[in-house]
Amino acid sequence: MITKFATVYAGHVDLPDMGQDATPANERRFSNEHLVSVFEKTDAVTRCMDEAGYHAIWLAEHHFQHEGYEVIPNLAAASTSRPCGTRCASPRTTPSPTS
């Protein structure tokens, strides 16, 4: 029986337009001020998952993604910014067979 649940969160910022008529991803250029909003969003997603009883959240580290997708540049910094007591806070880079 499955007793632990986890998910992957690549990390993205709020996009002003989406869909077929939106700005193509390769033409988007968000400011650093907008890109750093990914950390607050990641905190909110992590807290929600923690409250829902998830075992882990896997984050994707990417650099220089100015178009707004997958913009978490430093997993260690993102993971250690989680509040103490959050189950989903522990940074992991590879799966653990005992987890």
N, C-alpha and C. Protein backbone atom coordinates (compact mmCIF):
# COMPACT_ATOMS: atom_id res chain seq x y z
N MET A 1 0.83 -1.18 0.00
CA MET A 1 0.00 0.00 0.00
C MET A 1 0.88 1.25 0.00
N ILE A 2 0.51 2.22 -0.78
CA ILE A 2 1.26 3.48 -0.84
C ILE A 2 0.96 4.29 0.42
N THR A 3 2.01 4.68 1.14
CA THR A 3 1.81 5.44 2.37
C THR A 3 2.46 6.81 2.35
N LYS A 4 3.30 7.07 1.36
CA LYS A 4 3.97 8.36 1.28
C LYS A 4 3.81 8.94 -0.12
N PHE A 5 3.55 10.23 -0.18
CA PHE A 5 3.34 10.90 -1.46
C PHE A 5 4.34 12.04 -1.61
N ALA A 6 4.78 12.26 -2.82
CA ALA A 6 5.71 13.34 -3.12
C ALA A 6 5.35 13.91 -4.50
N THR A 7 5.90 15.06 -4.82
CA THR A 7 5.68 15.65 -6.13
C THR A 7 6.91 16.45 -6.55
N VAL A 8 6.97 16.79 -7.82
CA VAL A 8 8.04 17.62 -8.36
C VAL A 8 7.48 19.01 -8.60
N TYR A 9 8.21 20.02 -8.19
CA TYR A 9 7.84 21.40 -8.47
C TYR A 9 9.03 22.06 -9.14
N ALA A 10 8.88 22.36 -10.42
CA ALA A 10 10.00 22.93 -11.17
C ALA A 10 10.25 24.39 -10.83
N GLY A 11 9.25 25.09 -10.35
CA GLY A 11 9.42 26.49 -9.95
C GLY A 11 9.20 27.44 -11.11
N HIS A 12 8.15 28.21 -11.05
CA HIS A 12 7.87 29.19 -12.09
C HIS A 12 7.26 30.43 -11.47
N VAL A 13 7.36 31.54 -12.15
CA VAL A 13 6.76 32.78 -11.68
C VAL A 13 5.38 32.94 -12.31
N ASP A 14 4.60 33.86 -11.78
CA ASP A 14 3.30 34.15 -12.38
C ASP A 14 3.53 34.76 -13.76
N LEU A 15 2.82 34.25 -14.73
CA LEU A 15 2.94 34.72 -16.10
C LEU A 15 1.77 35.63 -16.43
N PRO A 16 2.03 36.79 -17.04
CA PRO A 16 0.95 37.73 -17.33
C PRO A 16 0.01 37.25 -18.44
N ASP A 17 0.48 36.39 -19.30
CA ASP A 17 -0.35 35.88 -20.38
C ASP A 17 0.01 34.43 -20.65
N MET A 18 -1.01 33.65 -21.01
CA MET A 18 -0.79 32.24 -21.31
C MET A 18 -1.71 31.85 -22.46
N GLY A 19 -1.44 30.75 -23.09
CA GLY A 19 -2.28 30.25 -24.15
C GLY A 19 -1.73 30.55 -25.53
N GLN A 20 -2.51 30.26 -26.51
CA GLN A 20 -2.08 30.35 -27.89
C GLN A 20 -1.67 31.76 -28.31
N ASP A 21 -2.34 32.79 -27.79
CA ASP A 21 -2.05 34.17 -28.18
C ASP A 21 -1.06 34.86 -27.24
N ALA A 22 -0.45 34.12 -26.34
CA ALA A 22 0.49 34.70 -25.37
C ALA A 22 1.84 34.99 -26.01
N THR A 23 2.66 35.74 -25.30
CA THR A 23 4.02 35.99 -25.74
C THR A 23 4.76 34.66 -25.80
N PRO A 24 5.40 34.34 -26.91
CA PRO A 24 6.17 33.09 -26.98
C PRO A 24 7.24 33.06 -25.89
N ALA A 25 7.47 31.88 -25.32
CA ALA A 25 8.42 31.74 -24.22
C ALA A 25 9.80 32.28 -24.56
N ASN A 26 10.27 32.05 -25.78
CA ASN A 26 11.62 32.49 -26.13
C ASN A 26 11.70 34.01 -26.34
N GLU A 27 10.57 34.72 -26.26
CA GLU A 27 10.58 36.18 -26.36
C GLU A 27 10.32 36.86 -25.02
N ARG A 28 10.11 36.08 -23.97
CA ARG A 28 9.87 36.65 -22.64
C ARG A 28 11.18 37.04 -21.99
N ARG A 29 11.17 38.16 -21.30
CA ARG A 29 12.33 38.62 -20.55
C ARG A 29 11.84 39.26 -19.26
N PHE A 30 11.77 38.46 -18.17
CA PHE A 30 11.32 38.98 -16.89
C PHE A 30 12.48 39.60 -16.13
N SER A 31 12.18 40.61 -15.34
CA SER A 31 13.20 41.27 -14.52
C SER A 31 13.60 40.35 -13.36
N ASN A 32 14.75 40.62 -12.77
CA ASN A 32 15.18 39.86 -11.60
C ASN A 32 14.18 40.00 -10.46
N GLU A 33 13.60 41.21 -10.32
CA GLU A 33 12.62 41.43 -9.26
C GLU A 33 11.43 40.49 -9.42
N HIS A 34 11.01 40.27 -10.65
CA HIS A 34 9.88 39.35 -10.88
C HIS A 34 10.32 37.89 -10.71
N LEU A 35 11.51 37.57 -11.16
CA LEU A 35 11.99 36.19 -11.07
C LEU A 35 12.16 35.72 -9.63
N VAL A 36 12.57 36.61 -8.72
CA VAL A 36 12.76 36.18 -7.33
C VAL A 36 11.44 35.89 -6.63
N SER A 37 10.31 36.24 -7.25
CA SER A 37 9.02 35.89 -6.65
C SER A 37 8.82 34.38 -6.59
N VAL A 38 9.65 33.64 -7.31
CA VAL A 38 9.56 32.18 -7.26
C VAL A 38 9.80 31.65 -5.85
N PHE A 39 10.60 32.35 -5.04
CA PHE A 39 10.88 31.85 -3.70
C PHE A 39 9.64 31.92 -2.80
N GLU A 40 8.88 33.01 -2.87
CA GLU A 40 7.64 33.10 -2.09
C GLU A 40 6.64 32.06 -2.57
N LYS A 41 6.54 31.88 -3.86
CA LYS A 41 5.62 30.89 -4.42
C LYS A 41 6.03 29.49 -3.97
N THR A 42 7.31 29.19 -3.97
CA THR A 42 7.80 27.88 -3.54
C THR A 42 7.48 27.66 -2.06
N ASP A 43 7.65 28.69 -1.24
CA ASP A 43 7.28 28.58 0.17
C ASP A 43 5.80 28.24 0.32
N ALA A 44 4.95 28.92 -0.44
CA ALA A 44 3.50 28.68 -0.35
C ALA A 44 3.14 27.26 -0.80
N VAL A 45 3.75 26.80 -1.90
CA VAL A 45 3.49 25.45 -2.39
C VAL A 45 3.95 24.42 -1.36
N THR A 46 5.13 24.63 -0.79
CA THR A 46 5.68 23.70 0.19
C THR A 46 4.80 23.63 1.44
N ARG A 47 4.35 24.77 1.94
CA ARG A 47 3.49 24.78 3.12
C ARG A 47 2.18 24.04 2.84
N CYS A 48 1.60 24.28 1.68
CA CYS A 48 0.34 23.62 1.30
C CYS A 48 0.53 22.10 1.25
N MET A 49 1.62 21.67 0.65
CA MET A 49 1.89 20.23 0.56
C MET A 49 2.13 19.64 1.94
N ASP A 50 2.83 20.39 2.78
CA ASP A 50 3.10 19.93 4.14
C ASP A 50 1.79 19.74 4.91
N GLU A 51 0.90 20.72 4.79
CA GLU A 51 -0.40 20.64 5.47
C GLU A 51 -1.24 19.48 4.93
N ALA A 52 -1.05 19.14 3.66
CA ALA A 52 -1.80 18.04 3.05
C ALA A 52 -1.19 16.67 3.37
N GLY A 53 -0.03 16.67 4.05
CA GLY A 53 0.58 15.41 4.47
C GLY A 53 1.57 14.80 3.50
N TYR A 54 2.02 15.57 2.51
CA TYR A 54 3.01 15.03 1.57
C TYR A 54 4.32 14.73 2.29
N HIS A 55 5.03 13.74 1.80
CA HIS A 55 6.30 13.32 2.38
C HIS A 55 7.46 14.17 1.89
N ALA A 56 7.41 14.59 0.63
CA ALA A 56 8.54 15.33 0.05
C ALA A 56 8.09 16.15 -1.14
N ILE A 57 8.85 17.19 -1.41
CA ILE A 57 8.70 17.96 -2.63
C ILE A 57 10.07 17.98 -3.29
N TRP A 58 10.10 17.66 -4.56
CA TRP A 58 11.36 17.67 -5.31
C TRP A 58 11.41 18.95 -6.11
N LEU A 59 12.48 19.69 -5.96
CA LEU A 59 12.65 20.95 -6.66
C LEU A 59 13.67 20.78 -7.78
N ALA A 60 13.46 21.52 -8.85
CA ALA A 60 14.37 21.47 -10.00
C ALA A 60 15.22 22.74 -10.01
N GLU A 61 16.53 22.57 -10.09
CA GLU A 61 17.43 23.72 -10.14
C GLU A 61 17.76 24.06 -11.59
N HIS A 62 17.53 25.31 -11.95
CA HIS A 62 17.85 25.80 -13.29
C HIS A 62 18.42 27.20 -13.18
N HIS A 63 19.32 27.54 -14.07
CA HIS A 63 19.95 28.86 -14.08
C HIS A 63 19.63 29.58 -15.39
N PHE A 64 19.53 30.90 -15.29
CA PHE A 64 19.40 31.78 -16.46
C PHE A 64 18.13 31.48 -17.26
N GLN A 65 17.04 31.23 -16.58
CA GLN A 65 15.77 30.96 -17.25
C GLN A 65 14.92 32.24 -17.21
N HIS A 66 15.23 33.19 -18.01
CA HIS A 66 14.59 34.51 -17.97
C HIS A 66 13.14 34.50 -18.44
N GLU A 67 12.67 33.40 -19.02
CA GLU A 67 11.30 33.37 -19.54
C GLU A 67 10.26 33.02 -18.48
N GLY A 68 10.70 32.69 -17.27
CA GLY A 68 9.77 32.48 -16.16
C GLY A 68 9.47 31.05 -15.78
N TYR A 69 9.95 30.09 -16.57
CA TYR A 69 9.75 28.68 -16.23
C TYR A 69 10.99 28.15 -15.54
N GLU A 70 10.79 27.31 -14.55
CA GLU A 70 11.92 26.63 -13.89
C GLU A 70 13.02 27.61 -13.51
N VAL A 71 12.71 28.50 -12.59
CA VAL A 71 13.64 29.59 -12.28
C VAL A 71 14.25 29.52 -10.89
N ILE A 72 14.27 28.37 -10.25
CA ILE A 72 14.92 28.25 -8.95
C ILE A 72 16.41 28.04 -9.20
N PRO A 73 17.25 29.05 -8.92
CA PRO A 73 18.66 28.95 -9.27
C PRO A 73 19.52 28.23 -8.24
N ASN A 74 19.03 28.07 -7.02
CA ASN A 74 19.87 27.51 -5.97
C ASN A 74 18.99 26.69 -5.04
N LEU A 75 19.03 25.37 -5.18
CA LEU A 75 18.17 24.51 -4.37
C LEU A 75 18.52 24.55 -2.89
N ALA A 76 19.79 24.64 -2.58
CA ALA A 76 20.18 24.68 -1.18
C ALA A 76 19.60 25.91 -0.50
N ALA A 77 19.69 27.06 -1.14
CA ALA A 77 19.14 28.28 -0.56
C ALA A 77 17.61 28.20 -0.48
N ALA A 78 16.99 27.69 -1.52
CA ALA A 78 15.53 27.57 -1.52
C ALA A 78 15.06 26.62 -0.44
N SER A 79 15.73 25.50 -0.28
CA SER A 79 15.32 24.49 0.69
C SER A 79 15.55 24.95 2.13
N THR A 80 16.63 25.64 2.38
CA THR A 80 16.90 26.07 3.75
C THR A 80 16.08 27.28 4.15
N SER A 81 15.38 27.90 3.20
CA SER A 81 14.53 29.02 3.57
C SER A 81 13.19 28.55 4.11
N ARG A 82 12.90 27.25 4.07
CA ARG A 82 11.63 26.74 4.58
C ARG A 82 11.60 26.88 6.09
N PRO A 83 10.42 27.11 6.64
CA PRO A 83 10.32 27.24 8.10
C PRO A 83 10.65 25.93 8.80
N CYS A 84 11.24 26.03 9.98
CA CYS A 84 11.54 24.83 10.77
C CYS A 84 10.24 24.11 11.07
N GLY A 85 10.29 22.80 11.05
CA GLY A 85 9.11 22.00 11.33
C GLY A 85 8.35 21.59 10.08
N THR A 86 8.77 22.07 8.94
CA THR A 86 8.11 21.69 7.70
C THR A 86 8.70 20.37 7.23
N ARG A 87 7.87 19.35 7.12
CA ARG A 87 8.36 18.03 6.72
C ARG A 87 8.99 18.05 5.34
N CYS A 88 8.44 18.86 4.44
CA CYS A 88 8.92 18.88 3.05
C CYS A 88 10.17 19.72 2.87
N ALA A 89 10.78 20.16 3.95
CA ALA A 89 11.86 21.14 3.85
C ALA A 89 13.23 20.55 3.55
N SER A 90 13.45 19.30 3.83
CA SER A 90 14.80 18.75 3.71
C SER A 90 15.25 18.69 2.25
N PRO A 91 16.37 19.34 1.93
CA PRO A 91 16.86 19.27 0.55
C PRO A 91 17.43 17.89 0.26
N ARG A 92 17.08 17.35 -0.89
CA ARG A 92 17.63 16.07 -1.35
C ARG A 92 17.93 16.20 -2.82
N THR A 93 19.03 15.64 -3.23
CA THR A 93 19.36 15.70 -4.64
C THR A 93 19.19 14.36 -5.34
N THR A 94 19.14 13.28 -4.59
CA THR A 94 18.92 11.97 -5.18
C THR A 94 17.95 11.20 -4.30
N PRO A 95 17.17 10.31 -4.88
CA PRO A 95 16.22 9.52 -4.09
C PRO A 95 16.92 8.64 -3.07
N SER A 96 16.32 8.50 -1.94
CA SER A 96 16.84 7.62 -0.91
C SER A 96 15.94 6.38 -0.82
N PRO A 97 16.49 5.19 -0.93
CA PRO A 97 15.65 3.98 -0.89
C PRO A 97 14.98 3.78 0.46
N THR A 98 15.45 4.42 1.51
CA THR A 98 14.87 4.26 2.83
C THR A 98 13.86 5.34 3.16
N SER A 99 13.68 6.32 2.27
CA SER A 99 12.76 7.44 2.55
C SER A 99 11.33 7.04 2.29
